Protein backbone atom coordinates (compact mmCIF):
# COMPACT_ATOMS: atom_id res chain seq x y z
CA UNK A 1 0.00 0.00 0.00
CA UNK A 2 1.22 3.57 -0.56
CA UNK A 3 2.70 5.53 2.34
CA UNK A 4 -0.12 8.06 1.97
CA UNK A 5 -2.41 5.46 3.62
CA UNK A 6 -0.30 5.36 6.82
CA UNK A 7 -1.55 7.20 9.90
CA UNK A 8 0.23 10.10 11.61
CA UNK A 9 2.77 8.86 14.14
CA UNK A 10 3.19 5.49 12.42
CA UNK A 11 6.68 4.22 11.54
CA UNK A 12 6.80 2.12 8.37
CA UNK A 13 9.41 0.38 6.22
CA UNK A 14 9.70 1.18 2.52
CA UNK A 15 9.22 -1.94 0.38
CA UNK A 16 9.24 -0.48 -3.15
CA UNK A 17 9.43 2.83 -5.00
CA UNK A 18 7.63 3.18 -8.32
CA UNK A 19 7.87 5.73 -11.11
CA UNK A 20 10.37 6.81 -13.74
CA UNK A 21 14.09 6.58 -13.05
CA UNK A 22 14.31 10.34 -12.48
CA UNK A 23 11.56 10.22 -9.83
CA UNK A 24 13.10 7.24 -8.04
CA UNK A 25 16.52 8.93 -8.09
CA UNK A 26 15.05 12.16 -6.66
CA UNK A 27 13.35 10.27 -3.82
CA UNK A 28 16.56 8.34 -3.12
CA UNK A 29 18.46 11.64 -2.82
CA UNK A 30 15.90 12.76 -0.23
CA UNK A 31 16.56 9.55 1.76
CA UNK A 32 13.67 7.37 0.59
CA UNK A 33 15.35 4.05 -0.19
CA UNK A 34 14.07 0.48 0.02
CA UNK A 35 14.23 -1.09 3.53
CA UNK A 36 14.62 2.28 5.28
CA UNK A 37 12.26 3.31 8.06
CA UNK A 38 10.11 6.42 7.72
CA UNK A 39 7.81 8.02 10.29
CA UNK A 40 4.68 9.86 9.24
CA UNK A 41 4.76 13.11 11.22
CA UNK A 42 1.59 14.75 9.91
CA UNK A 43 -0.95 14.55 7.08
CA UNK A 44 -2.85 17.55 5.74
CA UNK A 45 -5.17 17.37 2.73
CA UNK A 46 -3.30 14.36 1.36
CA UNK A 47 0.12 15.96 1.68
CA UNK A 48 2.54 14.26 4.07
CA UNK A 49 5.32 15.40 6.35
CA UNK A 50 7.71 12.50 6.81
CA UNK A 51 10.65 11.96 9.16
CA UNK A 52 13.39 10.19 7.20
CA UNK A 53 16.77 9.71 8.85
CA UNK A 54 17.44 13.02 10.68
CA UNK A 55 15.30 15.33 8.57
CA UNK A 56 11.68 16.08 7.81
CA UNK A 57 10.47 16.11 4.23
CA UNK A 58 7.11 17.26 2.85
CA UNK A 59 5.68 15.31 -0.09
CA UNK A 60 2.52 15.86 -2.08
CA UNK A 61 0.05 13.02 -2.53
CA UNK A 62 1.36 12.15 -6.02
CA UNK A 63 4.91 11.59 -4.80
CA UNK A 64 3.78 9.83 -1.63
CA UNK A 65 1.73 7.36 -3.69
CA UNK A 66 4.94 6.23 -5.40
CA UNK A 67 6.40 5.02 -2.09
CA UNK A 68 4.99 1.60 -1.21
CA UNK A 69 5.14 0.16 2.31
PDB file of N, CA and C in Angstrom:
ATOM      1  N   UNK A   1       0.847  -1.178   0.000  1.00  0.00           N
ATOM      2  CA  UNK A   1       0.000   0.000   0.000  1.00  0.00           C
ATOM      3  C   UNK A   1       0.890   1.239   0.000  1.00  0.00           C
ATOM      4  N   UNK A   2       0.409   2.349  -0.534  1.00  0.00           N
ATOM      5  CA  UNK A   2       1.219   3.573  -0.560  1.00  0.00           C
ATOM      6  C   UNK A   2       1.358   4.191   0.829  1.00  0.00           C
ATOM      7  N   UNK A   3       2.435   4.915   1.031  1.00  0.00           N
ATOM      8  CA  UNK A   3       2.705   5.530   2.336  1.00  0.00           C
ATOM      9  C   UNK A   3       1.638   6.567   2.687  1.00  0.00           C
ATOM     10  N   UNK A   4       0.930   7.073   1.700  1.00  0.00           N
ATOM     11  CA  UNK A   4      -0.120   8.059   1.969  1.00  0.00           C
ATOM     12  C   UNK A   4      -1.279   7.452   2.766  1.00  0.00           C
ATOM     13  N   UNK A   5      -1.353   6.124   2.848  1.00  0.00           N
ATOM     14  CA  UNK A   5      -2.408   5.461   3.616  1.00  0.00           C
ATOM     15  C   UNK A   5      -2.017   5.261   5.088  1.00  0.00           C
ATOM     16  N   UNK A   6      -0.760   5.520   5.436  1.00  0.00           N
ATOM     17  CA  UNK A   6      -0.301   5.359   6.817  1.00  0.00           C
ATOM     18  C   UNK A   6      -0.848   6.497   7.683  1.00  0.00           C
ATOM     19  N   UNK A   7      -1.024   6.216   8.949  1.00  0.00           N
ATOM     20  CA  UNK A   7      -1.546   7.197   9.899  1.00  0.00           C
ATOM     21  C   UNK A   7      -0.419   8.038  10.492  1.00  0.00           C
ATOM     22  N   UNK A   8      -0.749   9.226  10.959  1.00  0.00           N
ATOM     23  CA  UNK A   8       0.230  10.102  11.608  1.00  0.00           C
ATOM     24  C   UNK A   8       0.794   9.412  12.846  1.00  0.00           C
ATOM     25  N   UNK A   9       2.107   9.485  13.009  1.00  0.00           N
ATOM     26  CA  UNK A   9       2.772   8.860  14.140  1.00  0.00           C
ATOM     27  C   UNK A   9       3.236   7.442  13.872  1.00  0.00           C
ATOM     28  N   UNK A  10       2.848   6.883  12.757  1.00  0.00           N
ATOM     29  CA  UNK A  10       3.194   5.494  12.424  1.00  0.00           C
ATOM     30  C   UNK A  10       4.577   5.439  11.771  1.00  0.00           C
ATOM     31  N   UNK A  11       5.384   4.449  12.165  1.00  0.00           N
ATOM     32  CA  UNK A  11       6.681   4.218  11.542  1.00  0.00           C
ATOM     33  C   UNK A  11       6.558   3.008  10.629  1.00  0.00           C
ATOM     34  N   UNK A  12       6.964   3.178   9.375  1.00  0.00           N
ATOM     35  CA  UNK A  12       6.799   2.118   8.372  1.00  0.00           C
ATOM     36  C   UNK A  12       8.132   1.875   7.666  1.00  0.00           C
ATOM     37  N   UNK A  13       8.218   0.734   6.989  1.00  0.00           N
ATOM     38  CA  UNK A  13       9.413   0.380   6.220  1.00  0.00           C
ATOM     39  C   UNK A  13       9.078   0.424   4.741  1.00  0.00           C
ATOM     40  N   UNK A  14       9.918   1.076   3.962  1.00  0.00           N
ATOM     41  CA  UNK A  14       9.697   1.181   2.516  1.00  0.00           C
ATOM     42  C   UNK A  14      10.000  -0.161   1.864  1.00  0.00           C
ATOM     43  N   UNK A  15       9.059  -0.661   1.076  1.00  0.00           N
ATOM     44  CA  UNK A  15       9.221  -1.939   0.379  1.00  0.00           C
ATOM     45  C   UNK A  15       9.545  -1.759  -1.101  1.00  0.00           C
ATOM     46  N   UNK A  16       9.013  -0.699  -1.713  1.00  0.00           N
ATOM     47  CA  UNK A  16       9.239  -0.480  -3.145  1.00  0.00           C
ATOM     48  C   UNK A  16       8.969   0.972  -3.484  1.00  0.00           C
ATOM     49  N   UNK A  17       9.660   1.481  -4.506  1.00  0.00           N
ATOM     50  CA  UNK A  17       9.426   2.828  -4.998  1.00  0.00           C
ATOM     51  C   UNK A  17       9.163   2.725  -6.491  1.00  0.00           C
ATOM     52  N   UNK A  18       8.031   3.271  -6.923  1.00  0.00           N
ATOM     53  CA  UNK A  18       7.632   3.182  -8.324  1.00  0.00           C
ATOM     54  C   UNK A  18       7.875   4.507  -9.029  1.00  0.00           C
ATOM     55  N   UNK A  19       7.725   4.503 -10.340  1.00  0.00           N
ATOM     56  CA  UNK A  19       7.872   5.726 -11.115  1.00  0.00           C
ATOM     57  C   UNK A  19       9.053   5.655 -12.056  1.00  0.00           C
ATOM     58  N   UNK A  20       9.246   6.734 -12.801  1.00  0.00           N
ATOM     59  CA  UNK A  20      10.370   6.809 -13.736  1.00  0.00           C
ATOM     60  C   UNK A  20      11.689   6.851 -12.971  1.00  0.00           C
ATOM     61  N   UNK A  21      12.771   6.583 -13.673  1.00  0.00           N
ATOM     62  CA  UNK A  21      14.094   6.577 -13.049  1.00  0.00           C
ATOM     63  C   UNK A  21      14.413   7.913 -12.384  1.00  0.00           C
ATOM     64  N   UNK A  22      14.013   9.022 -13.034  1.00  0.00           N
ATOM     65  CA  UNK A  22      14.305  10.340 -12.477  1.00  0.00           C
ATOM     66  C   UNK A  22      13.579  10.544 -11.141  1.00  0.00           C
ATOM     67  N   UNK A  23      12.350  10.075 -11.065  1.00  0.00           N
ATOM     68  CA  UNK A  23      11.559  10.222  -9.834  1.00  0.00           C
ATOM     69  C   UNK A  23      12.166   9.367  -8.729  1.00  0.00           C
ATOM     70  N   UNK A  24      12.507   8.132  -9.042  1.00  0.00           N
ATOM     71  CA  UNK A  24      13.102   7.238  -8.037  1.00  0.00           C
ATOM     72  C   UNK A  24      14.441   7.787  -7.555  1.00  0.00           C
ATOM     73  N   UNK A  25      15.230   8.348  -8.466  1.00  0.00           N
ATOM     74  CA  UNK A  25      16.518   8.929  -8.092  1.00  0.00           C
ATOM     75  C   UNK A  25      16.315  10.134  -7.172  1.00  0.00           C
ATOM     76  N   UNK A  26      15.339  10.984  -7.486  1.00  0.00           N
ATOM     77  CA  UNK A  26      15.050  12.164  -6.657  1.00  0.00           C
ATOM     78  C   UNK A  26      14.643  11.733  -5.247  1.00  0.00           C
ATOM     79  N   UNK A  27      13.778  10.745  -5.139  1.00  0.00           N
ATOM     80  CA  UNK A  27      13.351  10.268  -3.823  1.00  0.00           C
ATOM     81  C   UNK A  27      14.517   9.644  -3.069  1.00  0.00           C
ATOM     82  N   UNK A  28      15.389   8.930  -3.769  1.00  0.00           N
ATOM     83  CA  UNK A  28      16.565   8.337  -3.120  1.00  0.00           C
ATOM     84  C   UNK A  28      17.483   9.429  -2.569  1.00  0.00           C
ATOM     85  N   UNK A  29      17.625  10.527  -3.296  1.00  0.00           N
ATOM     86  CA  UNK A  29      18.455  11.637  -2.823  1.00  0.00           C
ATOM     87  C   UNK A  29      17.874  12.293  -1.575  1.00  0.00           C
ATOM     88  N   UNK A  30      16.557  12.218  -1.427  1.00  0.00           N
ATOM     89  CA  UNK A  30      15.902  12.755  -0.226  1.00  0.00           C
ATOM     90  C   UNK A  30      15.985  11.781   0.949  1.00  0.00           C
ATOM     91  N   UNK A  31      16.416  10.541   0.690  1.00  0.00           N
ATOM     92  CA  UNK A  31      16.559   9.547   1.756  1.00  0.00           C
ATOM     93  C   UNK A  31      15.555   8.419   1.699  1.00  0.00           C
ATOM     94  N   UNK A  32      14.685   8.425   0.707  1.00  0.00           N
ATOM     95  CA  UNK A  32      13.668   7.375   0.594  1.00  0.00           C
ATOM     96  C   UNK A  32      14.230   6.221  -0.226  1.00  0.00           C
ATOM     97  N   UNK A  33      14.789   5.232   0.464  1.00  0.00           N
ATOM     98  CA  UNK A  33      15.347   4.052  -0.190  1.00  0.00           C
ATOM     99  C   UNK A  33      14.685   2.804   0.383  1.00  0.00           C
ATOM    100  N   UNK A  34      14.702   1.732  -0.387  1.00  0.00           N
ATOM    101  CA  UNK A  34      14.067   0.478   0.018  1.00  0.00           C
ATOM    102  C   UNK A  34      14.702  -0.022   1.316  1.00  0.00           C
ATOM    103  N   UNK A  35      13.870  -0.536   2.214  1.00  0.00           N
ATOM    104  CA  UNK A  35      14.228  -1.087   3.526  1.00  0.00           C
ATOM    105  C   UNK A  35      14.592  -0.026   4.562  1.00  0.00           C
ATOM    106  N   UNK A  36      14.396   1.258   4.254  1.00  0.00           N
ATOM    107  CA  UNK A  36      14.624   2.285   5.276  1.00  0.00           C
ATOM    108  C   UNK A  36      13.313   2.548   6.016  1.00  0.00           C
ATOM    109  N   UNK A  37      13.434   3.019   7.254  1.00  0.00           N
ATOM    110  CA  UNK A  37      12.260   3.311   8.063  1.00  0.00           C
ATOM    111  C   UNK A  37      11.914   4.790   7.960  1.00  0.00           C
ATOM    112  N   UNK A  38      10.619   5.052   7.853  1.00  0.00           N
ATOM    113  CA  UNK A  38      10.105   6.416   7.717  1.00  0.00           C
ATOM    114  C   UNK A  38       8.961   6.581   8.702  1.00  0.00           C
ATOM    115  N   UNK A  39       8.904   7.720   9.368  1.00  0.00           N
ATOM    116  CA  UNK A  39       7.814   8.019  10.292  1.00  0.00           C
ATOM    117  C   UNK A  39       6.932   9.100   9.692  1.00  0.00           C
ATOM    118  N   UNK A  40       5.634   8.869   9.708  1.00  0.00           N
ATOM    119  CA  UNK A  40       4.677   9.859   9.239  1.00  0.00           C
ATOM    120  C   UNK A  40       4.462  10.850  10.378  1.00  0.00           C
ATOM    121  N   UNK A  41       4.875  12.096  10.177  1.00  0.00           N
ATOM    122  CA  UNK A  41       4.758  13.113  11.216  1.00  0.00           C
ATOM    123  C   UNK A  41       3.359  13.717  11.205  1.00  0.00           C
ATOM    124  N   UNK A  42       2.892  14.100  10.013  1.00  0.00           N
ATOM    125  CA  UNK A  42       1.593  14.749   9.909  1.00  0.00           C
ATOM    126  C   UNK A  42       1.042  14.551   8.504  1.00  0.00           C
ATOM    127  N   UNK A  43      -0.282  14.668   8.378  1.00  0.00           N
ATOM    128  CA  UNK A  43      -0.945  14.547   7.079  1.00  0.00           C
ATOM    129  C   UNK A  43      -1.996  15.640   6.992  1.00  0.00           C
ATOM    130  N   UNK A  44      -1.891  16.465   5.931  1.00  0.00           N
ATOM    131  CA  UNK A  44      -2.851  17.546   5.742  1.00  0.00           C
ATOM    132  C   UNK A  44      -3.305  17.554   4.293  1.00  0.00           C
ATOM    133  N   UNK A  45      -4.573  17.330   4.072  1.00  0.00           N
ATOM    134  CA  UNK A  45      -5.173  17.366   2.733  1.00  0.00           C
ATOM    135  C   UNK A  45      -4.441  16.459   1.750  1.00  0.00           C
ATOM    136  N   UNK A  46      -3.974  15.310   2.232  1.00  0.00           N
ATOM    137  CA  UNK A  46      -3.298  14.358   1.363  1.00  0.00           C
ATOM    138  C   UNK A  46      -1.807  14.547   1.283  1.00  0.00           C
ATOM    139  N   UNK A  47      -1.315  15.719   1.682  1.00  0.00           N
ATOM    140  CA  UNK A  47       0.124  15.957   1.679  1.00  0.00           C
ATOM    141  C   UNK A  47       0.715  15.432   2.985  1.00  0.00           C
ATOM    142  N   UNK A  48       1.932  14.889   2.906  1.00  0.00           N
ATOM    143  CA  UNK A  48       2.540  14.256   4.067  1.00  0.00           C
ATOM    144  C   UNK A  48       3.811  14.971   4.497  1.00  0.00           C
ATOM    145  N   UNK A  49       4.029  15.007   5.802  1.00  0.00           N
ATOM    146  CA  UNK A  49       5.321  15.404   6.350  1.00  0.00           C
ATOM    147  C   UNK A  49       5.917  14.136   6.933  1.00  0.00           C
ATOM    148  N   UNK A  50       7.097  13.758   6.438  1.00  0.00           N
ATOM    149  CA  UNK A  50       7.714  12.497   6.810  1.00  0.00           C
ATOM    150  C   UNK A  50       9.060  12.734   7.470  1.00  0.00           C
ATOM    151  N   UNK A  51       9.353  11.942   8.496  1.00  0.00           N
ATOM    152  CA  UNK A  51      10.653  11.965   9.157  1.00  0.00           C
ATOM    153  C   UNK A  51      11.464  10.830   8.543  1.00  0.00           C
ATOM    154  N   UNK A  52      12.518  11.190   7.811  1.00  0.00           N
ATOM    155  CA  UNK A  52      13.387  10.194   7.204  1.00  0.00           C
ATOM    156  C   UNK A  52      14.815  10.509   7.636  1.00  0.00           C
ATOM    157  N   UNK A  53      15.456   9.532   8.247  1.00  0.00           N
ATOM    158  CA  UNK A  53      16.768   9.713   8.855  1.00  0.00           C
ATOM    159  C   UNK A  53      16.681  10.865   9.849  1.00  0.00           C
ATOM    160  N   UNK A  54      17.471  11.919   9.708  1.00  0.00           N
ATOM    161  CA  UNK A  54      17.440  13.016  10.682  1.00  0.00           C
ATOM    162  C   UNK A  54      16.776  14.272  10.151  1.00  0.00           C
ATOM    163  N   UNK A  55      15.946  14.140   9.124  1.00  0.00           N
ATOM    164  CA  UNK A  55      15.304  15.330   8.572  1.00  0.00           C
ATOM    165  C   UNK A  55      13.831  15.073   8.291  1.00  0.00           C
ATOM    166  N   UNK A  56      13.098  16.155   8.167  1.00  0.00           N
ATOM    167  CA  UNK A  56      11.679  16.084   7.814  1.00  0.00           C
ATOM    168  C   UNK A  56      11.505  16.549   6.387  1.00  0.00           C
ATOM    169  N   UNK A  57      10.684  15.812   5.644  1.00  0.00           N
ATOM    170  CA  UNK A  57      10.472  16.107   4.233  1.00  0.00           C
ATOM    171  C   UNK A  57       8.972  16.158   3.987  1.00  0.00           C
ATOM    172  N   UNK A  58       8.516  17.154   3.232  1.00  0.00           N
ATOM    173  CA  UNK A  58       7.111  17.256   2.854  1.00  0.00           C
ATOM    174  C   UNK A  58       6.955  16.736   1.430  1.00  0.00           C
ATOM    175  N   UNK A  59       5.975  15.857   1.238  1.00  0.00           N
ATOM    176  CA  UNK A  59       5.680  15.309  -0.087  1.00  0.00           C
ATOM    177  C   UNK A  59       4.211  15.502  -0.410  1.00  0.00           C
ATOM    178  N   UNK A  60       3.923  15.791  -1.671  1.00  0.00           N
ATOM    179  CA  UNK A  60       2.524  15.861  -2.076  1.00  0.00           C
ATOM    180  C   UNK A  60       1.988  14.440  -2.275  1.00  0.00           C
ATOM    181  N   UNK A  61       0.689  14.331  -2.436  1.00  0.00           N
ATOM    182  CA  UNK A  61       0.054  13.021  -2.534  1.00  0.00           C
ATOM    183  C   UNK A  61       0.595  12.210  -3.715  1.00  0.00           C
ATOM    184  N   UNK A  62       0.856  12.859  -4.845  1.00  0.00           N
ATOM    185  CA  UNK A  62       1.357  12.150  -6.022  1.00  0.00           C
ATOM    186  C   UNK A  62       2.685  11.467  -5.757  1.00  0.00           C
ATOM    187  N   UNK A  63       3.608  12.184  -5.120  1.00  0.00           N
ATOM    188  CA  UNK A  63       4.912  11.589  -4.803  1.00  0.00           C
ATOM    189  C   UNK A  63       4.771  10.521  -3.723  1.00  0.00           C
ATOM    190  N   UNK A  64       3.946  10.789  -2.726  1.00  0.00           N
ATOM    191  CA  UNK A  64       3.775   9.826  -1.633  1.00  0.00           C
ATOM    192  C   UNK A  64       3.186   8.514  -2.136  1.00  0.00           C
ATOM    193  N   UNK A  65       2.334   8.575  -3.144  1.00  0.00           N
ATOM    194  CA  UNK A  65       1.730   7.357  -3.693  1.00  0.00           C
ATOM    195  C   UNK A  65       2.743   6.483  -4.420  1.00  0.00           C
ATOM    196  N   UNK A  66       3.901   7.017  -4.742  1.00  0.00           N
ATOM    197  CA  UNK A  66       4.944   6.231  -5.398  1.00  0.00           C
ATOM    198  C   UNK A  66       5.762   5.406  -4.412  1.00  0.00           C
ATOM    199  N   UNK A  67       5.656   5.736  -3.130  1.00  0.00           N
ATOM    200  CA  UNK A  67       6.404   5.021  -2.089  1.00  0.00           C
ATOM    201  C   UNK A  67       5.483   3.968  -1.487  1.00  0.00           C
ATOM    202  N   UNK A  68       5.825   2.699  -1.684  1.00  0.00           N
ATOM    203  CA  UNK A  68       4.988   1.600  -1.206  1.00  0.00           C
ATOM    204  C   UNK A  68       5.586   0.998   0.059  1.00  0.00           C
ATOM    205  N   UNK A  69       4.699   0.709   1.018  1.00  0.00           N
ATOM    206  CA  UNK A  69       5.139   0.162   2.309  1.00  0.00           C
ATOM    207  C   UNK A  69       4.565  -1.232   2.506  1.00  0.00           C
TER     208      UNK A  69
END
